[in-house]
Amino acid sequence: MVSQRVTAEFHDEPLLFSRLHPPPQQRRLLRRPRVAAALASAFEYPLTLLNAPAGSGKTTALATFVTQSGWPVAWCRARAEDTPALLLRHLVAAFRPTVTLDESQISTLLGRDDLAGALDQFANQLVLTLHDETLLVLDDYHFIDATPHCAALVEHLRANQPGRLHLLCAGRVVPTLPELMRMRGETYELGQTDLAFDNDEAAALFSLNDLPIRLSLPSWSRGRVAGHWLCRWRSEENSGCRMQMQHSAAAAQRGAQPRQRHSHGWR
């Protein structure tokens, strides 16, 4: 069992280091140049949204791209229990592999409960220290979007982000964002279709894992990583596979439940 290390070095509040790195990759990992090229376009926009249901391969695709692209990347995984201050601490720490920030200044402001000042100090330091195009990945962004104060914090950072910083929000739902960004063409959006396996990739995936190639999967399953792994067993050896596929298909057709829009605000 892999332990999740924490440290109390940042103003006596623990940081969970596992949130600050992409998950480790499997040894048998299919390279998908088509998906990598789509993700690389995030460096051409201030904001990229990657939204797809659970099991679509968002985190795997991002982690593969981050580890293989060679670009400077800061990674932060959101959690449901995040407060604005805790989220900001992790955002600051996420840049440690990329640039050197004066975390003590930000920590002092947070210690005074001056969240706005700490966030502005963070943004100012990024302006001064980022010399290369850099990507900030916020994984599991749906947790941030469901917490109005955390969403407002990210929105404030986005509104003041340096020109060399590109923000990528990956989650299960489309977040609430200013329509003006879309109108200006400042937002790049990717979804489940972009992550879908085409026939060649599906065949390569099955071959990589020494499984019989079956390309007669239903269209809903062919595009989802989870769908492929539901069928990794031979149908004649696992009579429950078809039932699992039908159950997942019904869930996919039901879709996500309607989201409530929030009026974001924070102090």
C-alpha atoms as a PDB file:
ATOM      1  CA  MET A   1       0.000   0.000   0.000  1.00  0.00           C
ATOM      2  CA  VAL A   2       1.396   3.345  -1.036  1.00  0.00           C
ATOM      3  CA  SER A   3       1.403   5.847   1.783  1.00  0.00           C
ATOM      4  CA  GLN A   4       0.263   9.393   1.112  1.00  0.00           C
ATOM      5  CA  ARG A   5       2.833  11.708   2.650  1.00  0.00           C
ATOM      6  CA  VAL A   6       1.831  14.991   4.217  1.00  0.00           C
ATOM      7  CA  THR A   7       3.861  17.889   5.480  1.00  0.00           C
ATOM      8  CA  ALA A   8       3.014  20.707   7.870  1.00  0.00           C
ATOM      9  CA  GLU A   9       5.657  23.043   6.482  1.00  0.00           C
ATOM     10  CA  PHE A  10       3.194  25.454   4.845  1.00  0.00           C
ATOM     11  CA  HIS A  11       1.684  27.492   7.700  1.00  0.00           C
ATOM     12  CA  ASP A  12       0.976  24.427   9.845  1.00  0.00           C
ATOM     13  CA  GLU A  13      -1.600  23.088   7.407  1.00  0.00           C
ATOM     14  CA  PRO A  14      -0.838  19.735   5.797  1.00  0.00           C
ATOM     15  CA  LEU A  15      -0.242  19.341   2.099  1.00  0.00           C
ATOM     16  CA  LEU A  16      -1.100  16.033   0.496  1.00  0.00           C
ATOM     17  CA  PHE A  17       1.764  15.432  -1.906  1.00  0.00           C
ATOM     18  CA  SER A  18      -0.147  12.839  -3.931  1.00  0.00           C
ATOM     19  CA  ARG A  19      -2.407  15.668  -5.111  1.00  0.00           C
ATOM     20  CA  LEU A  20       0.519  17.471  -6.708  1.00  0.00           C
ATOM     21  CA  HIS A  21       1.655  14.819  -9.175  1.00  0.00           C
ATOM     22  CA  PRO A  22      -0.080  12.921 -11.974  1.00  0.00           C
ATOM     23  CA  PRO A  23      -0.824   9.299 -11.086  1.00  0.00           C
ATOM     24  CA  PRO A  24       1.847   6.747 -12.023  1.00  0.00           C
ATOM     25  CA  GLN A  25       1.480   5.220 -15.458  1.00  0.00           C
ATOM     26  CA  GLN A  26       1.055   1.553 -16.255  1.00  0.00           C
ATOM     27  CA  ARG A  27       3.955  -0.202 -17.924  1.00  0.00           C
ATOM     28  CA  ARG A  28       1.702  -1.313 -20.731  1.00  0.00           C
ATOM     29  CA  LEU A  29       0.398   2.062 -21.785  1.00  0.00           C
ATOM     30  CA  LEU A  30      -0.958   2.708 -25.253  1.00  0.00           C
ATOM     31  CA  ARG A  31       0.521   5.785 -26.877  1.00  0.00           C
ATOM     32  CA  ARG A  32      -2.183   7.866 -28.561  1.00  0.00           C
ATOM     33  CA  PRO A  33      -0.603  10.632 -30.676  1.00  0.00           C
ATOM     34  CA  ARG A  34      -4.026  11.893 -31.746  1.00  0.00           C
ATOM     35  CA  VAL A  35      -5.079  12.608 -28.150  1.00  0.00           C
ATOM     36  CA  ALA A  36      -1.661  14.041 -27.274  1.00  0.00           C
ATOM     37  CA  ALA A  37      -1.919  16.487 -30.176  1.00  0.00           C
ATOM     38  CA  ALA A  38      -5.364  17.599 -29.009  1.00  0.00           C
ATOM     39  CA  LEU A  39      -4.090  18.210 -25.473  1.00  0.00           C
ATOM     40  CA  ALA A  40      -1.029  20.079 -26.754  1.00  0.00           C
ATOM     41  CA  SER A  41      -3.382  22.715 -28.170  1.00  0.00           C
ATOM     42  CA  ALA A  42      -4.038  23.779 -24.563  1.00  0.00           C
ATOM     43  CA  PHE A  43      -0.830  25.820 -24.814  1.00  0.00           C
ATOM     44  CA  GLU A  44      -2.520  28.012 -27.416  1.00  0.00           C
ATOM     45  CA  TYR A  45      -5.376  29.133 -25.139  1.00  0.00           C
ATOM     46  CA  PRO A  46      -5.662  30.779 -21.711  1.00  0.00           C
ATOM     47  CA  LEU A  47      -8.230  28.178 -20.649  1.00  0.00           C
ATOM     48  CA  THR A  48      -8.918  24.591 -21.683  1.00  0.00           C
ATOM     49  CA  LEU A  49     -11.878  22.535 -20.484  1.00  0.00           C
ATOM     50  CA  LEU A  50     -11.713  18.745 -20.582  1.00  0.00           C
ATOM     51  CA  ASN A  51     -15.081  17.344 -19.571  1.00  0.00           C
ATOM     52  CA  ALA A  52     -16.153  13.707 -19.746  1.00  0.00           C
ATOM     53  CA  PRO A  53     -17.861  11.120 -17.505  1.00  0.00           C
ATOM     54  CA  ALA A  54     -15.989   8.950 -15.039  1.00  0.00           C
ATOM     55  CA  GLY A  55     -14.150   6.128 -16.782  1.00  0.00           C
ATOM     56  CA  SER A  56     -13.532   8.094 -19.971  1.00  0.00           C
ATOM     57  CA  GLY A  57      -9.785   8.226 -19.463  1.00  0.00           C
ATOM     58  CA  LYS A  58      -9.370  11.941 -18.669  1.00  0.00           C
ATOM     59  CA  THR A  59      -6.735  11.581 -15.983  1.00  0.00           C
ATOM     60  CA  THR A  60      -4.866   8.834 -17.832  1.00  0.00           C
ATOM     61  CA  ALA A  61      -4.703  10.903 -21.017  1.00  0.00           C
ATOM     62  CA  LEU A  62      -3.568  13.981 -19.106  1.00  0.00           C
ATOM     63  CA  ALA A  63      -0.984  12.109 -17.045  1.00  0.00           C
ATOM     64  CA  THR A  64       0.449  10.507 -20.176  1.00  0.00           C
ATOM     65  CA  PHE A  65       0.645  13.855 -21.937  1.00  0.00           C
ATOM     66  CA  VAL A  66       2.221  15.589 -18.942  1.00  0.00           C
ATOM     67  CA  THR A  67       4.926  12.956 -18.468  1.00  0.00           C
ATOM     68  CA  GLN A  68       5.786  12.693 -22.160  1.00  0.00           C
ATOM     69  CA  SER A  69       5.348  16.226 -23.507  1.00  0.00           C
ATOM     70  CA  GLY A  70       8.405  17.844 -21.918  1.00  0.00           C
ATOM     71  CA  TRP A  71       6.489  21.066 -21.241  1.00  0.00           C
ATOM     72  CA  PRO A  72       6.556  22.741 -17.796  1.00  0.00           C
ATOM     73  CA  VAL A  73       3.440  21.577 -15.957  1.00  0.00           C
ATOM     74  CA  ALA A  74       1.984  22.198 -12.504  1.00  0.00           C
ATOM     75  CA  TRP A  75      -0.511  19.541 -11.387  1.00  0.00           C
ATOM     76  CA  CYS A  76      -3.148  19.846  -8.668  1.00  0.00           C
ATOM     77  CA  ARG A  77      -5.984  17.428  -7.970  1.00  0.00           C
ATOM     78  CA  ALA A  78      -9.032  18.966  -6.310  1.00  0.00           C
ATOM     79  CA  ARG A  79     -10.900  17.334  -3.432  1.00  0.00           C
ATOM     80  CA  ALA A  80     -14.459  17.691  -2.189  1.00  0.00           C
ATOM     81  CA  GLU A  81     -13.298  18.907   1.233  1.00  0.00           C
ATOM     82  CA  ASP A  82     -11.142  21.741  -0.131  1.00  0.00           C
ATOM     83  CA  THR A  83     -11.525  25.206   1.355  1.00  0.00           C
ATOM     84  CA  PRO A  84     -10.280  28.218  -0.636  1.00  0.00           C
ATOM     85  CA  ALA A  85      -7.226  28.544   1.624  1.00  0.00           C
ATOM     86  CA  LEU A  86      -6.344  24.838   1.426  1.00  0.00           C
ATOM     87  CA  LEU A  87      -6.820  24.837  -2.346  1.00  0.00           C
ATOM     88  CA  LEU A  88      -4.572  27.887  -2.708  1.00  0.00           C
ATOM     89  CA  ARG A  89      -1.854  26.228  -0.611  1.00  0.00           C
ATOM     90  CA  HIS A  90      -1.875  23.240  -2.934  1.00  0.00           C
ATOM     91  CA  LEU A  91      -1.900  25.458  -6.035  1.00  0.00           C
ATOM     92  CA  VAL A  92       1.185  27.284  -4.785  1.00  0.00           C
ATOM     93  CA  ALA A  93       2.957  24.017  -3.950  1.00  0.00           C
ATOM     94  CA  ALA A  94       2.057  22.586  -7.362  1.00  0.00           C
ATOM     95  CA  PHE A  95       4.509  25.006  -8.984  1.00  0.00           C
ATOM     96  CA  ARG A  96       7.521  23.789  -6.974  1.00  0.00           C
ATOM     97  CA  PRO A  97       8.837  21.570  -9.812  1.00  0.00           C
ATOM     98  CA  THR A  98       8.468  24.449 -12.272  1.00  0.00           C
ATOM     99  CA  VAL A  99       9.431  27.763 -10.626  1.00  0.00           C
ATOM    100  CA  THR A 100      10.623  29.056  -7.270  1.00  0.00           C
ATOM    101  CA  LEU A 101       7.982  31.115  -5.473  1.00  0.00           C
ATOM    102  CA  ASP A 102       8.318  32.995  -2.203  1.00  0.00           C
ATOM    103  CA  GLU A 103       5.803  30.839  -0.369  1.00  0.00           C
ATOM    104  CA  SER A 104       6.486  32.567   2.942  1.00  0.00           C
ATOM    105  CA  GLN A 105       4.872  35.799   1.717  1.00  0.00           C
ATOM    106  CA  ILE A 106       1.749  33.950   0.616  1.00  0.00           C
ATOM    107  CA  SER A 107       1.697  31.933   3.834  1.00  0.00           C
ATOM    108  CA  THR A 108       1.935  35.098   5.945  1.00  0.00           C
ATOM    109  CA  LEU A 109      -1.077  36.614   4.199  1.00  0.00           C
ATOM    110  CA  LEU A 110      -3.050  33.402   4.623  1.00  0.00           C
ATOM    111  CA  GLY A 111      -2.103  33.418   8.297  1.00  0.00           C
ATOM    112  CA  ARG A 112      -3.766  36.819   8.537  1.00  0.00           C
ATOM    113  CA  ASP A 113      -6.870  35.421   6.822  1.00  0.00           C
ATOM    114  CA  ASP A 114      -6.138  37.725   3.870  1.00  0.00           C
ATOM    115  CA  LEU A 115      -7.128  35.298   1.134  1.00  0.00           C
ATOM    116  CA  ALA A 116      -7.520  38.011  -1.498  1.00  0.00           C
ATOM    117  CA  GLY A 117      -4.065  39.395  -0.737  1.00  0.00           C
ATOM    118  CA  ALA A 118      -2.516  35.924  -0.812  1.00  0.00           C
ATOM    119  CA  LEU A 119      -4.111  35.167  -4.165  1.00  0.00           C
ATOM    120  CA  ASP A 120      -2.923  38.458  -5.657  1.00  0.00           C
ATOM    121  CA  GLN A 121       0.581  37.809  -4.307  1.00  0.00           C
ATOM    122  CA  PHE A 122       0.485  34.362  -5.924  1.00  0.00           C
ATOM    123  CA  ALA A 123      -0.584  35.814  -9.284  1.00  0.00           C
ATOM    124  CA  ASN A 124       2.073  38.545  -9.115  1.00  0.00           C
ATOM    125  CA  GLN A 125       4.819  36.048  -8.351  1.00  0.00           C
ATOM    126  CA  LEU A 126       3.774  33.904 -11.297  1.00  0.00           C
ATOM    127  CA  VAL A 127       4.009  36.939 -13.582  1.00  0.00           C
ATOM    128  CA  LEU A 128       7.582  37.543 -12.417  1.00  0.00           C
ATOM    129  CA  THR A 129       8.825  33.943 -12.404  1.00  0.00           C
ATOM    130  CA  LEU A 130       7.191  32.193 -15.366  1.00  0.00           C
ATOM    131  CA  HIS A 131       9.599  32.489 -18.292  1.00  0.00           C
ATOM    132  CA  ASP A 132       8.249  29.557 -20.323  1.00  0.00           C
ATOM    133  CA  GLU A 133       4.788  28.562 -21.470  1.00  0.00           C
ATOM    134  CA  THR A 134       3.434  26.610 -18.491  1.00  0.00           C
ATOM    135  CA  LEU A 135       0.336  24.478 -18.016  1.00  0.00           C
ATOM    136  CA  LEU A 136      -1.594  24.325 -14.742  1.00  0.00           C
ATOM    137  CA  VAL A 137      -3.737  21.178 -14.638  1.00  0.00           C
ATOM    138  CA  LEU A 138      -6.663  21.152 -12.212  1.00  0.00           C
ATOM    139  CA  ASP A 139      -7.836  17.548 -12.138  1.00  0.00           C
ATOM    140  CA  ASP A 140     -11.266  16.619 -10.718  1.00  0.00           C
ATOM    141  CA  TYR A 141     -12.376  20.190 -11.300  1.00  0.00           C
ATOM    142  CA  HIS A 142     -16.015  19.249 -10.670  1.00  0.00           C
ATOM    143  CA  PHE A 143     -15.207  19.393  -6.944  1.00  0.00           C
ATOM    144  CA  ILE A 144     -14.092  23.004  -7.331  1.00  0.00           C
ATOM    145  CA  ASP A 145     -17.108  23.939  -9.417  1.00  0.00           C
ATOM    146  CA  ALA A 146     -19.411  22.465  -6.762  1.00  0.00           C
ATOM    147  CA  THR A 147     -17.856  24.730  -4.099  1.00  0.00           C
ATOM    148  CA  PRO A 148     -18.704  28.372  -4.902  1.00  0.00           C
ATOM    149  CA  HIS A 149     -15.871  29.937  -2.897  1.00  0.00           C
ATOM    150  CA  CYS A 150     -13.244  27.651  -4.441  1.00  0.00           C
ATOM    151  CA  ALA A 151     -14.638  28.259  -7.912  1.00  0.00           C
ATOM    152  CA  ALA A 152     -14.471  32.009  -7.316  1.00  0.00           C
ATOM    153  CA  LEU A 153     -10.831  31.692  -6.252  1.00  0.00           C
ATOM    154  CA  VAL A 154      -9.922  29.910  -9.492  1.00  0.00           C
ATOM    155  CA  GLU A 155     -11.932  32.437 -11.496  1.00  0.00           C
ATOM    156  CA  HIS A 156     -10.004  35.293  -9.852  1.00  0.00           C
ATOM    157  CA  LEU A 157      -6.730  33.575 -10.705  1.00  0.00           C
ATOM    158  CA  ARG A 158      -7.901  33.015 -14.263  1.00  0.00           C
ATOM    159  CA  ALA A 159      -8.865  36.672 -14.625  1.00  0.00           C
ATOM    160  CA  ASN A 160      -5.354  37.684 -13.521  1.00  0.00           C
ATOM    161  CA  GLN A 161      -3.301  34.850 -14.953  1.00  0.00           C
ATOM    162  CA  PRO A 162       0.055  35.617 -16.587  1.00  0.00           C
ATOM    163  CA  GLY A 163       0.276  35.419 -20.343  1.00  0.00           C
ATOM    164  CA  ARG A 164       2.562  32.377 -20.146  1.00  0.00           C
ATOM    165  CA  LEU A 165       0.204  30.440 -17.881  1.00  0.00           C
ATOM    166  CA  HIS A 166      -2.388  28.164 -19.448  1.00  0.00           C
ATOM    167  CA  LEU A 167      -5.112  26.678 -17.271  1.00  0.00           C
ATOM    168  CA  LEU A 168      -6.608  23.249 -17.961  1.00  0.00           C
ATOM    169  CA  CYS A 169      -9.666  22.191 -15.942  1.00  0.00           C
ATOM    170  CA  ALA A 170     -10.543  18.499 -16.188  1.00  0.00           C
ATOM    171  CA  GLY A 171     -13.777  17.244 -14.664  1.00  0.00           C
ATOM    172  CA  ARG A 172     -16.995  15.334 -15.103  1.00  0.00           C
ATOM    173  CA  VAL A 173     -19.240  18.312 -15.858  1.00  0.00           C
ATOM    174  CA  VAL A 174     -18.904  21.537 -17.832  1.00  0.00           C
ATOM    175  CA  PRO A 175     -18.047  24.224 -15.265  1.00  0.00           C
ATOM    176  CA  THR A 176     -19.770  27.558 -14.933  1.00  0.00           C
ATOM    177  CA  LEU A 177     -17.596  30.110 -16.723  1.00  0.00           C
ATOM    178  CA  PRO A 178     -18.053  33.595 -18.185  1.00  0.00           C
ATOM    179  CA  GLU A 179     -19.574  33.331 -21.648  1.00  0.00           C
ATOM    180  CA  LEU A 180     -17.384  36.256 -22.705  1.00  0.00           C
ATOM    181  CA  MET A 181     -14.373  33.946 -22.811  1.00  0.00           C
ATOM    182  CA  ARG A 182     -16.118  31.669 -25.273  1.00  0.00           C
ATOM    183  CA  MET A 183     -17.226  34.637 -27.365  1.00  0.00           C
ATOM    184  CA  ARG A 184     -13.637  35.878 -27.551  1.00  0.00           C
ATOM    185  CA  GLY A 185     -12.356  32.458 -28.543  1.00  0.00           C
ATOM    186  CA  GLU A 186     -10.220  32.213 -25.404  1.00  0.00           C
ATOM    187  CA  THR A 187     -11.530  28.790 -24.393  1.00  0.00           C
ATOM    188  CA  TYR A 188     -10.528  25.442 -25.855  1.00  0.00           C
ATOM    189  CA  GLU A 189     -12.963  22.623 -25.101  1.00  0.00           C
ATOM    190  CA  LEU A 190     -12.416  18.873 -25.265  1.00  0.00           C
ATOM    191  CA  GLY A 191     -14.904  16.154 -24.399  1.00  0.00           C
ATOM    192  CA  GLN A 192     -15.645  12.462 -24.409  1.00  0.00           C
ATOM    193  CA  THR A 193     -15.597  12.323 -28.203  1.00  0.00           C
ATOM    194  CA  ASP A 194     -12.000  13.556 -28.265  1.00  0.00           C
ATOM    195  CA  LEU A 195     -10.973  10.817 -25.826  1.00  0.00           C
ATOM    196  CA  ALA A 196     -12.883   8.108 -27.687  1.00  0.00           C
ATOM    197  CA  PHE A 197     -10.934   5.181 -29.070  1.00  0.00           C
ATOM    198  CA  ASP A 198     -11.159   4.826 -32.821  1.00  0.00           C
ATOM    199  CA  ASN A 199     -11.010   1.344 -34.346  1.00  0.00           C
ATOM    200  CA  ASP A 200      -7.239   1.399 -34.815  1.00  0.00           C
ATOM    201  CA  GLU A 201      -6.653   2.480 -31.213  1.00  0.00           C
ATOM    202  CA  ALA A 202      -9.103  -0.119 -29.934  1.00  0.00           C
ATOM    203  CA  ALA A 203      -7.304  -2.843 -31.867  1.00  0.00           C
ATOM    204  CA  ALA A 204      -3.951  -1.621 -30.537  1.00  0.00           C
ATOM    205  CA  LEU A 205      -5.291  -1.599 -26.973  1.00  0.00           C
ATOM    206  CA  PHE A 206      -6.508  -5.173 -27.190  1.00  0.00           C
ATOM    207  CA  SER A 207      -3.272  -6.303 -28.829  1.00  0.00           C
ATOM    208  CA  LEU A 208      -1.165  -4.544 -26.190  1.00  0.00           C
ATOM    209  CA  ASN A 209      -2.966  -6.457 -23.451  1.00  0.00           C
ATOM    210  CA  ASP A 210      -2.968  -9.809 -25.263  1.00  0.00           C
ATOM    211  CA  LEU A 211      -6.747  -9.836 -25.629  1.00  0.00           C
ATOM    212  CA  PRO A 212      -8.814 -11.047 -28.586  1.00  0.00           C
ATOM    213  CA  ILE A 213      -9.606  -8.144 -30.911  1.00  0.00           C
ATOM    214  CA  ARG A 214     -13.330  -7.412 -30.959  1.00  0.00           C
ATOM    215  CA  LEU A 215     -14.327  -4.282 -32.857  1.00  0.00           C
ATOM    216  CA  SER A 216     -18.045  -5.029 -32.796  1.00  0.00           C
ATOM    217  CA  LEU A 217     -18.493  -3.108 -29.559  1.00  0.00           C
ATOM    218  CA  PRO A 218     -21.516  -0.821 -29.269  1.00  0.00           C
ATOM    219  CA  SER A 219     -20.748   2.795 -30.171  1.00  0.00           C
ATOM    220  CA  TRP A 220     -21.184   3.947 -26.558  1.00  0.00           C
ATOM    221  CA  SER A 221     -18.535   1.493 -25.411  1.00  0.00           C
ATOM    222  CA  ARG A 222     -16.037   1.886 -28.235  1.00  0.00           C
ATOM    223  CA  GLY A 223     -15.216   5.402 -27.084  1.00  0.00           C
ATOM    224  CA  ARG A 224     -14.854   4.712 -23.377  1.00  0.00           C
ATOM    225  CA  VAL A 225     -11.816   3.206 -21.722  1.00  0.00           C
ATOM    226  CA  ALA A 226     -14.049   1.596 -19.116  1.00  0.00           C
ATOM    227  CA  GLY A 227     -16.034  -0.039 -21.905  1.00  0.00           C
ATOM    228  CA  HIS A 228     -12.936  -1.685 -23.285  1.00  0.00           C
ATOM    229  CA  TRP A 229     -11.928  -3.057 -19.927  1.00  0.00           C
ATOM    230  CA  LEU A 230     -15.425  -4.337 -19.254  1.00  0.00           C
ATOM    231  CA  CYS A 231     -14.861  -6.529 -22.301  1.00  0.00           C
ATOM    232  CA  ARG A 232     -11.329  -7.611 -21.544  1.00  0.00           C
ATOM    233  CA  TRP A 233     -12.591 -11.063 -20.725  1.00  0.00           C
ATOM    234  CA  ARG A 234     -13.756 -13.359 -23.494  1.00  0.00           C
ATOM    235  CA  SER A 235     -17.526 -13.397 -23.700  1.00  0.00           C
ATOM    236  CA  GLU A 236     -17.556 -17.165 -23.736  1.00  0.00           C
ATOM    237  CA  GLU A 237     -15.549 -17.204 -20.487  1.00  0.00           C
ATOM    238  CA  ASN A 238     -17.466 -14.485 -18.709  1.00  0.00           C
ATOM    239  CA  SER A 239     -21.227 -14.589 -19.176  1.00  0.00           C
ATOM    240  CA  GLY A 240     -21.617 -11.477 -17.023  1.00  0.00           C
ATOM    241  CA  CYS A 241     -19.777  -9.226 -19.472  1.00  0.00           C
ATOM    242  CA  ARG A 242     -22.819  -8.524 -21.635  1.00  0.00           C
ATOM    243  CA  MET A 243     -24.934  -7.725 -18.573  1.00  0.00           C
ATOM    244  CA  GLN A 244     -22.287  -5.274 -17.335  1.00  0.00           C
ATOM    245  CA  MET A 245     -22.141  -3.619 -20.737  1.00  0.00           C
ATOM    246  CA  GLN A 246     -25.913  -3.231 -20.847  1.00  0.00           C
ATOM    247  CA  HIS A 247     -25.941  -1.758 -17.346  1.00  0.00           C
ATOM    248  CA  SER A 248     -23.211   0.735 -18.287  1.00  0.00           C
ATOM    249  CA  ALA A 249     -25.009   1.608 -21.516  1.00  0.00           C
ATOM    250  CA  ALA A 250     -28.190   2.402 -19.595  1.00  0.00           C
ATOM    251  CA  ALA A 251     -26.229   4.598 -17.211  1.00  0.00           C
ATOM    252  CA  ALA A 252     -24.559   6.386 -20.112  1.00  0.00           C
ATOM    253  CA  GLN A 253     -27.921   7.057 -21.771  1.00  0.00           C
ATOM    254  CA  ARG A 254     -29.332   8.504 -18.551  1.00  0.00           C
ATOM    255  CA  GLY A 255     -26.454  10.976 -18.505  1.00  0.00           C
ATOM    256  CA  ALA A 256     -25.433  13.278 -15.715  1.00  0.00           C
ATOM    257  CA  GLN A 257     -28.029  14.797 -13.421  1.00  0.00           C
ATOM    258  CA  PRO A 258     -28.809  18.499 -13.976  1.00  0.00           C
ATOM    259  CA  ARG A 259     -26.366  20.791 -12.271  1.00  0.00           C
ATOM    260  CA  GLN A 260     -27.243  23.780 -10.148  1.00  0.00           C
ATOM    261  CA  ARG A 261     -25.606  27.010 -11.179  1.00  0.00           C
ATOM    262  CA  HIS A 262     -23.979  29.018  -8.439  1.00  0.00           C
ATOM    263  CA  SER A 263     -23.383  32.683  -7.968  1.00  0.00           C
ATOM    264  CA  HIS A 264     -19.720  32.554  -7.058  1.00  0.00           C
ATOM    265  CA  GLY A 265     -18.349  34.838  -4.382  1.00  0.00           C
ATOM    266  CA  TRP A 266     -15.622  34.729  -1.774  1.00  0.00           C
ATOM    267  CA  ARG A 267     -13.843  36.801   0.796  1.00  0.00           C
END
